[in-house]
C-alpha cells in the first residue's frame, strides 16, 4: 500500500512539474555571461530581475481583481531616478501569465541579455486575462457585462503600471506582445488604440476572430471589429506617423500560417513598418521559448529609453 501511495504521489509530482515547465528544464539563472569587448572575452556578472505579483481591481471587468506578474529589470532598485519602457505580455489559452517565466523564461533571458549588453532594461508585465485557467476571453470586449478585457489592458492595466512603477506615460515607451491567443490580443488591442503602443508583437497569433458565441454572440460586426485583418486598413493612417512597428512570426507547420502571410502582404501594401518571418516548427512552446530572447531585443530596440 505504501508503495502505491509513493508511486501515486510521484506521478502527480511528475505531471505537475511537466505542466509547470512543459517538459523543459526548470529555469536557472547563470552567475555570469561571457562578453567580448575589443576582441577580448571576459565574464560579467548577471544581475537578477525582481518578480512582483500584484492585483488590479478593474472597472472594465466589473471590479474583478486580475492577478498580474511584474518583472522589474536588473538595477531597478539601485537606480531610483531611472525610468523604463514597458513590454506587456499576453498569454494564450489555456494558460497562465507565469508561463512566460516558467516556460519562456523571459525573466532569465532579460537578465542575461542586459548583462551581455544585447538589450536595454525593460519592465515586463503579464496579466492573467481570464477568471479561471480554462476560461477563454480572447482579450476582447465581449458581450457579457464585466468582460471588457480590451479596455482592461489599454486603460486599467496601463494606468496602474504607469502609476506604480517608474515608466513614462507615453505610447513611445510601451510595447504589447503575446503568444497564440495573446498574439491576436496584442494586435487587436494595439489596432483599437493606435498610438498607445509603439510596438506590437504577435508570436504565432491570428488575425481573424474566432466566432465564439459566448464572447461575440451572433454579432458579425463585432467579429469583424475584432479581426486585425480587417481593422488594420482603417487605422493605417494613424500607425504610420506614430512610428508603430509590428513584429510577428509563424511556424512553418502552423495552421495559422496563411493568416500571417496574408497579414504580412497587407502591411506591406499599407506601408506600415513591420518584420515577419517563418520559423521551423508548429504552434508550440519550443518555438516561443526559443524566440523569446529575440522578442525582448526587438522591444529594447523599438521602445523609448531614458
C-alpha atoms as a PDB file:
ATOM      1  CA  UNK A   1       0.000   0.000   0.000  1.00  0.00           C
ATOM      2  CA  UNK A   2       2.826   2.370   0.900  1.00  0.00           C
ATOM      3  CA  UNK A   3       4.491   1.773  -2.443  1.00  0.00           C
ATOM      4  CA  UNK A   4       1.236   2.567  -4.244  1.00  0.00           C
ATOM      5  CA  UNK A   5       0.896   5.869  -2.354  1.00  0.00           C
ATOM      6  CA  UNK A   6       4.503   6.826  -3.051  1.00  0.00           C
ATOM      7  CA  UNK A   7       4.086   5.917  -6.704  1.00  0.00           C
ATOM      8  CA  UNK A   8       0.903   7.940  -6.994  1.00  0.00           C
ATOM      9  CA  UNK A   9       2.483  10.980  -5.348  1.00  0.00           C
ATOM     10  CA  UNK A  10       5.484  10.661  -7.643  1.00  0.00           C
ATOM     11  CA  UNK A  11       3.241  10.534 -10.696  1.00  0.00           C
ATOM     12  CA  UNK A  12       1.290  13.576  -9.523  1.00  0.00           C
ATOM     13  CA  UNK A  13       4.533  15.451  -8.872  1.00  0.00           C
ATOM     14  CA  UNK A  14       5.835  14.490 -12.318  1.00  0.00           C
ATOM     15  CA  UNK A  15       2.667  15.648 -14.091  1.00  0.00           C
ATOM     16  CA  UNK A  16       2.603  18.869 -12.064  1.00  0.00           C
ATOM     17  CA  UNK A  17       6.245  19.611 -12.840  1.00  0.00           C
ATOM     18  CA  UNK A  18       5.802  18.739 -16.503  1.00  0.00           C
ATOM     19  CA  UNK A  19       2.817  21.073 -16.778  1.00  0.00           C
ATOM     20  CA  UNK A  20       4.655  23.861 -14.978  1.00  0.00           C
ATOM     21  CA  UNK A  21       7.710  23.707 -17.244  1.00  0.00           C
ATOM     22  CA  UNK A  22       6.072  21.997 -20.266  1.00  0.00           C
ATOM     23  CA  UNK A  23       8.817  19.387 -20.400  1.00  0.00           C
ATOM     24  CA  UNK A  24      11.707  21.875 -20.314  1.00  0.00           C
ATOM     25  CA  UNK A  25      14.276  22.164 -17.551  1.00  0.00           C
ATOM     26  CA  UNK A  26      13.472  24.414 -14.605  1.00  0.00           C
ATOM     27  CA  UNK A  27      14.728  27.967 -15.249  1.00  0.00           C
ATOM     28  CA  UNK A  28      18.209  28.644 -13.911  1.00  0.00           C
ATOM     29  CA  UNK A  29      19.987  31.994 -13.846  1.00  0.00           C
ATOM     30  CA  UNK A  30      23.739  31.863 -14.531  1.00  0.00           C
ATOM     31  CA  UNK A  31      26.019  33.878 -12.286  1.00  0.00           C
ATOM     32  CA  UNK A  32      27.884  35.383 -15.221  1.00  0.00           C
ATOM     33  CA  UNK A  33      27.991  35.543 -19.009  1.00  0.00           C
ATOM     34  CA  UNK A  34      30.881  35.842 -21.441  1.00  0.00           C
ATOM     35  CA  UNK A  35      31.147  39.229 -23.147  1.00  0.00           C
ATOM     36  CA  UNK A  36      33.651  40.090 -25.860  1.00  0.00           C
ATOM     37  CA  UNK A  37      34.858  43.691 -25.905  1.00  0.00           C
ATOM     38  CA  UNK A  38      37.619  44.999 -28.154  1.00  0.00           C
ATOM     39  CA  UNK A  39      38.400  41.440 -29.205  1.00  0.00           C
ATOM     40  CA  UNK A  40      38.898  40.273 -25.613  1.00  0.00           C
ATOM     41  CA  UNK A  41      36.477  37.848 -23.953  1.00  0.00           C
ATOM     42  CA  UNK A  42      35.657  38.240 -20.272  1.00  0.00           C
ATOM     43  CA  UNK A  43      32.946  37.319 -17.813  1.00  0.00           C
ATOM     44  CA  UNK A  44      30.490  39.847 -16.401  1.00  0.00           C
ATOM     45  CA  UNK A  45      28.079  39.178 -13.528  1.00  0.00           C
ATOM     46  CA  UNK A  46      24.388  38.628 -14.239  1.00  0.00           C
ATOM     47  CA  UNK A  47      22.170  40.786 -12.031  1.00  0.00           C
ATOM     48  CA  UNK A  48      18.807  39.087 -11.429  1.00  0.00           C
ATOM     49  CA  UNK A  49      15.467  40.714 -12.108  1.00  0.00           C
ATOM     50  CA  UNK A  50      12.831  41.174  -9.424  1.00  0.00           C
ATOM     51  CA  UNK A  51       9.437  39.496  -9.878  1.00  0.00           C
ATOM     52  CA  UNK A  52       6.384  41.009  -8.189  1.00  0.00           C
ATOM     53  CA  UNK A  53       2.804  39.754  -8.032  1.00  0.00           C
ATOM     54  CA  UNK A  54       0.144  42.459  -7.857  1.00  0.00           C
ATOM     55  CA  UNK A  55      -3.631  42.544  -8.210  1.00  0.00           C
ATOM     56  CA  UNK A  56      -5.520  45.117 -10.259  1.00  0.00           C
ATOM     57  CA  UNK A  57      -9.175  45.656  -9.403  1.00  0.00           C
ATOM     58  CA  UNK A  58     -10.566  46.615 -12.796  1.00  0.00           C
ATOM     59  CA  UNK A  59     -13.620  48.723 -13.532  1.00  0.00           C
ATOM     60  CA  UNK A  60     -13.626  47.327 -17.065  1.00  0.00           C
ATOM     61  CA  UNK A  61     -14.010  43.845 -15.550  1.00  0.00           C
ATOM     62  CA  UNK A  62     -16.794  44.806 -13.141  1.00  0.00           C
ATOM     63  CA  UNK A  63     -14.459  45.013 -10.155  1.00  0.00           C
ATOM     64  CA  UNK A  64     -12.728  41.695 -10.796  1.00  0.00           C
ATOM     65  CA  UNK A  65      -9.201  41.577  -9.258  1.00  0.00           C
ATOM     66  CA  UNK A  66      -6.922  40.373 -12.052  1.00  0.00           C
ATOM     67  CA  UNK A  67      -3.584  38.921 -10.881  1.00  0.00           C
ATOM     68  CA  UNK A  68      -0.571  40.372 -12.673  1.00  0.00           C
ATOM     69  CA  UNK A  69       3.107  39.375 -12.696  1.00  0.00           C
ATOM     70  CA  UNK A  70       5.562  42.267 -12.990  1.00  0.00           C
ATOM     71  CA  UNK A  71       9.258  41.800 -13.777  1.00  0.00           C
ATOM     72  CA  UNK A  72      11.428  44.720 -12.729  1.00  0.00           C
ATOM     73  CA  UNK A  73      14.711  44.800 -14.670  1.00  0.00           C
ATOM     74  CA  UNK A  74      18.238  44.451 -13.300  1.00  0.00           C
ATOM     75  CA  UNK A  75      19.275  47.614 -11.493  1.00  0.00           C
ATOM     76  CA  UNK A  76      15.727  48.909 -10.966  1.00  0.00           C
ATOM     77  CA  UNK A  77      16.163  49.302  -7.194  1.00  0.00           C
ATOM     78  CA  UNK A  78      19.698  50.697  -7.399  1.00  0.00           C
ATOM     79  CA  UNK A  79      18.812  53.395  -9.970  1.00  0.00           C
ATOM     80  CA  UNK A  80      15.866  55.203  -8.343  1.00  0.00           C
ATOM     81  CA  UNK A  81      15.856  58.085 -10.815  1.00  0.00           C
ATOM     82  CA  UNK A  82      15.789  55.950 -13.973  1.00  0.00           C
ATOM     83  CA  UNK A  83      12.576  55.317 -15.915  1.00  0.00           C
ATOM     84  CA  UNK A  84      11.934  52.306 -18.130  1.00  0.00           C
ATOM     85  CA  UNK A  85       9.971  51.157 -21.163  1.00  0.00           C
ATOM     86  CA  UNK A  86       7.282  48.548 -20.572  1.00  0.00           C
ATOM     87  CA  UNK A  87       6.532  45.415 -22.575  1.00  0.00           C
ATOM     88  CA  UNK A  88       3.107  43.918 -21.844  1.00  0.00           C
ATOM     89  CA  UNK A  89       2.872  40.164 -22.491  1.00  0.00           C
ATOM     90  CA  UNK A  90      -0.484  38.454 -23.099  1.00  0.00           C
ATOM     91  CA  UNK A  91      -0.842  34.724 -22.573  1.00  0.00           C
ATOM     92  CA  UNK A  92      -2.642  32.176 -24.747  1.00  0.00           C
ATOM     93  CA  UNK A  93      -5.466  29.869 -23.704  1.00  0.00           C
ATOM     94  CA  UNK A  94      -5.424  27.726 -21.710  1.00  0.00           C
ATOM     95  CA  UNK A  95      -2.556  29.306 -19.871  1.00  0.00           C
ATOM     96  CA  UNK A  96      -1.269  31.379 -17.021  1.00  0.00           C
ATOM     97  CA  UNK A  97       0.900  34.516 -17.008  1.00  0.00           C
ATOM     98  CA  UNK A  98       3.547  32.625 -15.052  1.00  0.00           C
ATOM     99  CA  UNK A  99       4.161  30.525 -18.192  1.00  0.00           C
ATOM    100  CA  UNK A 100       6.195  33.445 -19.530  1.00  0.00           C
ATOM    101  CA  UNK A 101       8.520  32.907 -16.560  1.00  0.00           C
ATOM    102  CA  UNK A 102       8.480  29.140 -16.082  1.00  0.00           C
ATOM    103  CA  UNK A 103       8.495  28.152 -19.763  1.00  0.00           C
ATOM    104  CA  UNK A 104       9.515  31.113 -21.931  1.00  0.00           C
ATOM    105  CA  UNK A 105      11.983  32.256 -19.248  1.00  0.00           C
ATOM    106  CA  UNK A 106      11.652  35.935 -20.165  1.00  0.00           C
ATOM    107  CA  UNK A 107      12.995  36.955 -16.740  1.00  0.00           C
ATOM    108  CA  UNK A 108      16.146  34.869 -17.119  1.00  0.00           C
ATOM    109  CA  UNK A 109      16.531  35.984 -20.735  1.00  0.00           C
ATOM    110  CA  UNK A 110      16.319  39.656 -19.806  1.00  0.00           C
ATOM    111  CA  UNK A 111      18.903  39.337 -17.031  1.00  0.00           C
ATOM    112  CA  UNK A 112      21.352  37.575 -19.360  1.00  0.00           C
ATOM    113  CA  UNK A 113      20.762  39.899 -22.317  1.00  0.00           C
ATOM    114  CA  UNK A 114      21.183  43.039 -20.209  1.00  0.00           C
ATOM    115  CA  UNK A 115      24.387  41.675 -18.684  1.00  0.00           C
ATOM    116  CA  UNK A 116      25.713  40.868 -22.151  1.00  0.00           C
ATOM    117  CA  UNK A 117      24.847  44.349 -23.408  1.00  0.00           C
ATOM    118  CA  UNK A 118      22.470  42.976 -26.039  1.00  0.00           C
ATOM    119  CA  UNK A 119      19.395  44.824 -24.770  1.00  0.00           C
ATOM    120  CA  UNK A 120      18.486  47.710 -22.526  1.00  0.00           C
ATOM    121  CA  UNK A 121      16.353  47.053 -19.428  1.00  0.00           C
ATOM    122  CA  UNK A 122      12.562  46.736 -19.726  1.00  0.00           C
ATOM    123  CA  UNK A 123       9.720  46.320 -17.274  1.00  0.00           C
ATOM    124  CA  UNK A 124       7.724  43.217 -18.225  1.00  0.00           C
ATOM    125  CA  UNK A 125       4.033  42.975 -17.303  1.00  0.00           C
ATOM    126  CA  UNK A 126       1.953  39.785 -17.570  1.00  0.00           C
ATOM    127  CA  UNK A 127      -1.781  39.956 -16.738  1.00  0.00           C
ATOM    128  CA  UNK A 128      -3.896  36.824 -16.263  1.00  0.00           C
ATOM    129  CA  UNK A 129      -6.558  37.737 -18.813  1.00  0.00           C
ATOM    130  CA  UNK A 130      -9.265  35.366 -17.560  1.00  0.00           C
ATOM    131  CA  UNK A 131     -11.094  34.481 -14.355  1.00  0.00           C
ATOM    132  CA  UNK A 132     -10.008  30.846 -14.461  1.00  0.00           C
ATOM    133  CA  UNK A 133      -7.359  28.709 -16.119  1.00  0.00           C
ATOM    134  CA  UNK A 134      -9.697  27.262 -18.745  1.00  0.00           C
ATOM    135  CA  UNK A 135     -11.719  30.414 -19.422  1.00  0.00           C
ATOM    136  CA  UNK A 136     -11.341  31.839 -22.916  1.00  0.00           C
ATOM    137  CA  UNK A 137     -11.923  35.596 -23.149  1.00  0.00           C
ATOM    138  CA  UNK A 138      -9.811  36.301 -26.276  1.00  0.00           C
ATOM    139  CA  UNK A 139      -8.613  39.621 -24.795  1.00  0.00           C
ATOM    140  CA  UNK A 140     -11.640  41.405 -26.292  1.00  0.00           C
ATOM    141  CA  UNK A 141     -14.620  43.403 -25.003  1.00  0.00           C
ATOM    142  CA  UNK A 142     -17.202  40.629 -25.011  1.00  0.00           C
ATOM    143  CA  UNK A 143     -20.977  40.854 -24.959  1.00  0.00           C
ATOM    144  CA  UNK A 144     -21.249  39.830 -21.310  1.00  0.00           C
ATOM    145  CA  UNK A 145     -21.067  42.622 -18.692  1.00  0.00           C
ATOM    146  CA  UNK A 146     -17.751  42.866 -16.837  1.00  0.00           C
ATOM    147  CA  UNK A 147     -15.767  41.263 -19.664  1.00  0.00           C
ATOM    148  CA  UNK A 148     -14.105  44.263 -21.279  1.00  0.00           C
ATOM    149  CA  UNK A 149     -10.621  42.734 -21.489  1.00  0.00           C
ATOM    150  CA  UNK A 150      -9.530  45.054 -24.284  1.00  0.00           C
ATOM    151  CA  UNK A 151     -10.353  48.091 -22.150  1.00  0.00           C
ATOM    152  CA  UNK A 152      -8.750  46.455 -19.117  1.00  0.00           C
ATOM    153  CA  UNK A 153      -5.390  46.147 -20.894  1.00  0.00           C
ATOM    154  CA  UNK A 154      -5.416  49.520 -22.671  1.00  0.00           C
ATOM    155  CA  UNK A 155      -6.744  51.501 -19.708  1.00  0.00           C
ATOM    156  CA  UNK A 156      -6.793  49.900 -16.241  1.00  0.00           C
ATOM    157  CA  UNK A 157      -3.619  47.862 -16.630  1.00  0.00           C
ATOM    158  CA  UNK A 158      -1.560  50.550 -18.362  1.00  0.00           C
ATOM    159  CA  UNK A 159      -2.675  53.283 -15.974  1.00  0.00           C
ATOM    160  CA  UNK A 160      -1.885  51.150 -12.925  1.00  0.00           C
ATOM    161  CA  UNK A 161       1.602  50.263 -14.148  1.00  0.00           C
ATOM    162  CA  UNK A 162       2.327  53.896 -15.044  1.00  0.00           C
ATOM    163  CA  UNK A 163       1.228  54.918 -11.534  1.00  0.00           C
ATOM    164  CA  UNK A 164       3.051  52.253  -9.508  1.00  0.00           C
ATOM    165  CA  UNK A 165       6.326  51.950 -11.400  1.00  0.00           C
ATOM    166  CA  UNK A 166       8.912  54.250 -12.955  1.00  0.00           C
ATOM    167  CA  UNK A 167       7.671  54.413 -16.527  1.00  0.00           C
ATOM    168  CA  UNK A 168       6.934  57.274 -18.875  1.00  0.00           C
ATOM    169  CA  UNK A 169       3.224  57.528 -19.680  1.00  0.00           C
ATOM    170  CA  UNK A 170       3.717  57.620 -23.439  1.00  0.00           C
ATOM    171  CA  UNK A 171       2.981  55.162 -26.219  1.00  0.00           C
ATOM    172  CA  UNK A 172       6.579  55.521 -27.398  1.00  0.00           C
ATOM    173  CA  UNK A 173       7.594  53.681 -24.220  1.00  0.00           C
ATOM    174  CA  UNK A 174       5.078  50.827 -24.441  1.00  0.00           C
ATOM    175  CA  UNK A 175       5.026  47.548 -26.322  1.00  0.00           C
ATOM    176  CA  UNK A 176       2.295  44.915 -26.448  1.00  0.00           C
ATOM    177  CA  UNK A 177       3.113  41.283 -27.240  1.00  0.00           C
ATOM    178  CA  UNK A 178       1.580  37.873 -26.837  1.00  0.00           C
ATOM    179  CA  UNK A 179       1.621  34.255 -27.946  1.00  0.00           C
ATOM    180  CA  UNK A 180      -1.159  32.423 -29.788  1.00  0.00           C
ATOM    181  CA  UNK A 181      -4.408  33.967 -28.497  1.00  0.00           C
ATOM    182  CA  UNK A 182      -2.253  36.586 -26.804  1.00  0.00           C
ATOM    183  CA  UNK A 183      -0.650  37.434 -30.150  1.00  0.00           C
ATOM    184  CA  UNK A 184      -4.117  38.003 -31.575  1.00  0.00           C
ATOM    185  CA  UNK A 185      -4.915  40.114 -28.500  1.00  0.00           C
ATOM    186  CA  UNK A 186      -1.771  42.228 -28.880  1.00  0.00           C
ATOM    187  CA  UNK A 187      -2.584  43.065 -32.492  1.00  0.00           C
ATOM    188  CA  UNK A 188      -6.281  43.564 -31.843  1.00  0.00           C
ATOM    189  CA  UNK A 189      -5.861  45.848 -28.823  1.00  0.00           C
ATOM    190  CA  UNK A 190      -2.992  47.729 -30.436  1.00  0.00           C
ATOM    191  CA  UNK A 191      -5.054  48.481 -33.551  1.00  0.00           C
ATOM    192  CA  UNK A 192      -8.034  49.549 -31.452  1.00  0.00           C
ATOM    193  CA  UNK A 193      -5.824  52.053 -29.615  1.00  0.00           C
ATOM    194  CA  UNK A 194      -3.393  53.445 -32.204  1.00  0.00           C
ATOM    195  CA  UNK A 195      -0.540  55.385 -30.690  1.00  0.00           C
ATOM    196  CA  UNK A 196      -0.815  53.782 -27.269  1.00  0.00           C
ATOM    197  CA  UNK A 197       1.756  51.092 -28.023  1.00  0.00           C
ATOM    198  CA  UNK A 198       4.788  51.829 -30.220  1.00  0.00           C
ATOM    199  CA  UNK A 199       5.489  48.127 -30.725  1.00  0.00           C
ATOM    200  CA  UNK A 200       3.117  45.210 -31.392  1.00  0.00           C
ATOM    201  CA  UNK A 201       4.418  41.633 -31.336  1.00  0.00           C
ATOM    202  CA  UNK A 202       2.478  38.522 -32.292  1.00  0.00           C
ATOM    203  CA  UNK A 203       4.047  35.152 -31.551  1.00  0.00           C
ATOM    204  CA  UNK A 204       2.037  32.661 -33.642  1.00  0.00           C
ATOM    205  CA  UNK A 205      -1.093  34.768 -33.345  1.00  0.00           C
ATOM    206  CA  UNK A 206      -4.085  35.000 -35.664  1.00  0.00           C
ATOM    207  CA  UNK A 207      -5.794  37.854 -37.478  1.00  0.00           C
ATOM    208  CA  UNK A 208      -9.395  36.650 -37.762  1.00  0.00           C
ATOM    209  CA  UNK A 209     -11.561  36.459 -34.637  1.00  0.00           C
ATOM    210  CA  UNK A 210     -12.935  33.012 -33.848  1.00  0.00           C
ATOM    211  CA  UNK A 211     -16.786  33.082 -33.801  1.00  0.00           C
ATOM    212  CA  UNK A 212     -17.177  32.184 -30.119  1.00  0.00           C
ATOM    213  CA  UNK A 213     -20.837  32.719 -29.232  1.00  0.00           C
ATOM    214  CA  UNK A 214     -20.230  33.419 -25.526  1.00  0.00           C
ATOM    215  CA  UNK A 215     -17.955  36.312 -26.493  1.00  0.00           C
ATOM    216  CA  UNK A 216     -19.434  37.732 -29.694  1.00  0.00           C
ATOM    217  CA  UNK A 217     -22.951  36.339 -29.803  1.00  0.00           C
ATOM    218  CA  UNK A 218     -24.216  36.464 -33.385  1.00  0.00           C
ATOM    219  CA  UNK A 219     -22.853  39.942 -33.980  1.00  0.00           C
ATOM    220  CA  UNK A 220     -20.843  39.727 -37.198  1.00  0.00           C
ATOM    221  CA  UNK A 221     -19.907  43.393 -36.931  1.00  0.00           C
ATOM    222  CA  UNK A 222     -18.276  42.635 -33.575  1.00  0.00           C
ATOM    223  CA  UNK A 223     -16.369  39.752 -35.129  1.00  0.00           C
ATOM    224  CA  UNK A 224     -15.116  42.000 -37.900  1.00  0.00           C
ATOM    225  CA  UNK A 225     -14.195  44.782 -35.461  1.00  0.00           C
ATOM    226  CA  UNK A 226     -12.070  42.272 -33.548  1.00  0.00           C
ATOM    227  CA  UNK A 227     -10.251  40.947 -36.617  1.00  0.00           C
ATOM    228  CA  UNK A 228      -6.916  42.722 -37.258  1.00  0.00           C
ATOM    229  CA  UNK A 229      -7.039  41.504 -40.870  1.00  0.00           C
ATOM    230  CA  UNK A 230      -9.930  43.929 -41.409  1.00  0.00           C
ATOM    231  CA  UNK A 231      -9.226  46.757 -38.952  1.00  0.00           C
ATOM    232  CA  UNK A 232      -5.608  47.463 -39.881  1.00  0.00           C
ATOM    233  CA  UNK A 233      -6.507  49.328 -43.072  1.00  0.00           C
ATOM    234  CA  UNK A 234      -8.706  51.830 -41.223  1.00  0.00           C
ATOM    235  CA  UNK A 235      -6.018  52.776 -38.681  1.00  0.00           C
ATOM    236  CA  UNK A 236      -3.013  52.673 -41.017  1.00  0.00           C
ATOM    237  CA  UNK A 237      -3.023  56.490 -41.425  1.00  0.00           C
ATOM    238  CA  UNK A 238      -2.508  56.763 -37.657  1.00  0.00           C
ATOM    239  CA  UNK A 239       0.017  53.949 -37.297  1.00  0.00           C
ATOM    240  CA  UNK A 240       2.456  55.313 -39.862  1.00  0.00           C
ATOM    241  CA  UNK A 241       3.081  58.787 -38.327  1.00  0.00           C
ATOM    242  CA  UNK A 242       3.133  57.284 -34.816  1.00  0.00           C
ATOM    243  CA  UNK A 243       6.020  55.044 -35.878  1.00  0.00           C
ATOM    244  CA  UNK A 244       4.203  51.868 -34.804  1.00  0.00           C
ATOM    245  CA  UNK A 245       6.268  48.769 -35.585  1.00  0.00           C
ATOM    246  CA  UNK A 246       4.727  45.303 -35.908  1.00  0.00           C
ATOM    247  CA  UNK A 247       6.911  42.224 -35.368  1.00  0.00           C
ATOM    248  CA  UNK A 248       5.363  38.808 -35.838  1.00  0.00           C
ATOM    249  CA  UNK A 249       6.118  35.261 -36.871  1.00  0.00           C
ATOM    250  CA  UNK A 250       4.515  31.903 -37.524  1.00  0.00           C
ATOM    251  CA  UNK A 251       5.683  28.318 -37.563  1.00  0.00           C
ATOM    252  CA  UNK A 252       6.185  26.681 -40.947  1.00  0.00           C
ATOM    253  CA  UNK A 253       3.716  23.939 -39.926  1.00  0.00           C
ATOM    254  CA  UNK A 254       1.283  26.185 -38.060  1.00  0.00           C
ATOM    255  CA  UNK A 255      -2.325  26.053 -39.363  1.00  0.00           C
ATOM    256  CA  UNK A 256      -2.411  29.823 -38.759  1.00  0.00           C
ATOM    257  CA  UNK A 257       0.427  30.432 -41.230  1.00  0.00           C
ATOM    258  CA  UNK A 258      -1.872  31.538 -44.104  1.00  0.00           C
ATOM    259  CA  UNK A 259      -3.405  34.288 -41.951  1.00  0.00           C
ATOM    260  CA  UNK A 260       0.051  35.544 -41.035  1.00  0.00           C
ATOM    261  CA  UNK A 261       1.242  35.505 -44.637  1.00  0.00           C
ATOM    262  CA  UNK A 262      -1.817  37.479 -45.751  1.00  0.00           C
ATOM    263  CA  UNK A 263      -1.344  40.000 -42.933  1.00  0.00           C
ATOM    264  CA  UNK A 264       2.272  40.486 -43.961  1.00  0.00           C
ATOM    265  CA  UNK A 265       1.149  41.234 -47.514  1.00  0.00           C
ATOM    266  CA  UNK A 266      -1.428  43.739 -46.244  1.00  0.00           C
ATOM    267  CA  UNK A 267       1.066  45.552 -44.013  1.00  0.00           C
ATOM    268  CA  UNK A 268       3.469  45.824 -46.920  1.00  0.00           C
ATOM    269  CA  UNK A 269       0.757  47.298 -49.151  1.00  0.00           C
ATOM    270  CA  UNK A 270      -0.187  49.798 -46.433  1.00  0.00           C
ATOM    271  CA  UNK A 271       3.404  50.890 -45.845  1.00  0.00           C
ATOM    272  CA  UNK A 272       3.343  50.000 -42.154  1.00  0.00           C
ATOM    273  CA  UNK A 273       6.829  49.227 -40.745  1.00  0.00           C
ATOM    274  CA  UNK A 274       6.974  45.579 -39.796  1.00  0.00           C
ATOM    275  CA  UNK A 275       9.013  42.384 -39.777  1.00  0.00           C
ATOM    276  CA  UNK A 276       7.521  38.977 -40.446  1.00  0.00           C
ATOM    277  CA  UNK A 277       9.279  35.625 -40.696  1.00  0.00           C
ATOM    278  CA  UNK A 278       8.570  31.916 -40.664  1.00  0.00           C
ATOM    279  CA  UNK A 279      10.299  29.635 -38.177  1.00  0.00           C
ATOM    280  CA  UNK A 280      10.682  25.868 -38.487  1.00  0.00           C
ATOM    281  CA  UNK A 281       8.021  24.364 -36.269  1.00  0.00           C
ATOM    282  CA  UNK A 282       4.345  24.192 -35.438  1.00  0.00           C
ATOM    283  CA  UNK A 283       2.304  26.022 -32.795  1.00  0.00           C
ATOM    284  CA  UNK A 284       4.181  25.175 -29.623  1.00  0.00           C
ATOM    285  CA  UNK A 285       6.269  26.256 -26.657  1.00  0.00           C
ATOM    286  CA  UNK A 286       9.514  25.094 -28.212  1.00  0.00           C
ATOM    287  CA  UNK A 287       9.333  27.894 -30.771  1.00  0.00           C
ATOM    288  CA  UNK A 288       8.028  30.553 -28.360  1.00  0.00           C
ATOM    289  CA  UNK A 289      10.737  29.716 -25.846  1.00  0.00           C
ATOM    290  CA  UNK A 290      13.480  29.787 -28.497  1.00  0.00           C
ATOM    291  CA  UNK A 291      12.386  33.155 -29.904  1.00  0.00           C
ATOM    292  CA  UNK A 292      11.538  34.910 -26.601  1.00  0.00           C
ATOM    293  CA  UNK A 293      15.040  36.464 -26.245  1.00  0.00           C
ATOM    294  CA  UNK A 294      14.798  37.812 -29.785  1.00  0.00           C
ATOM    295  CA  UNK A 295      11.399  39.321 -28.970  1.00  0.00           C
ATOM    296  CA  UNK A 296      12.894  41.107 -25.951  1.00  0.00           C
ATOM    297  CA  UNK A 297      15.761  42.511 -28.023  1.00  0.00           C
ATOM    298  CA  UNK A 298      13.270  43.835 -30.595  1.00  0.00           C
ATOM    299  CA  UNK A 299      11.313  45.543 -27.813  1.00  0.00           C
ATOM    300  CA  UNK A 300      14.501  47.077 -26.451  1.00  0.00           C
ATOM    301  CA  UNK A 301      15.364  48.445 -29.870  1.00  0.00           C
ATOM    302  CA  UNK A 302      11.971  49.968 -30.641  1.00  0.00           C
ATOM    303  CA  UNK A 303      10.845  51.436 -27.331  1.00  0.00           C
ATOM    304  CA  UNK A 304      11.950  54.755 -25.815  1.00  0.00           C
ATOM    305  CA  UNK A 305      14.664  54.894 -23.209  1.00  0.00           C
ATOM    306  CA  UNK A 306      15.688  57.386 -20.558  1.00  0.00           C
END
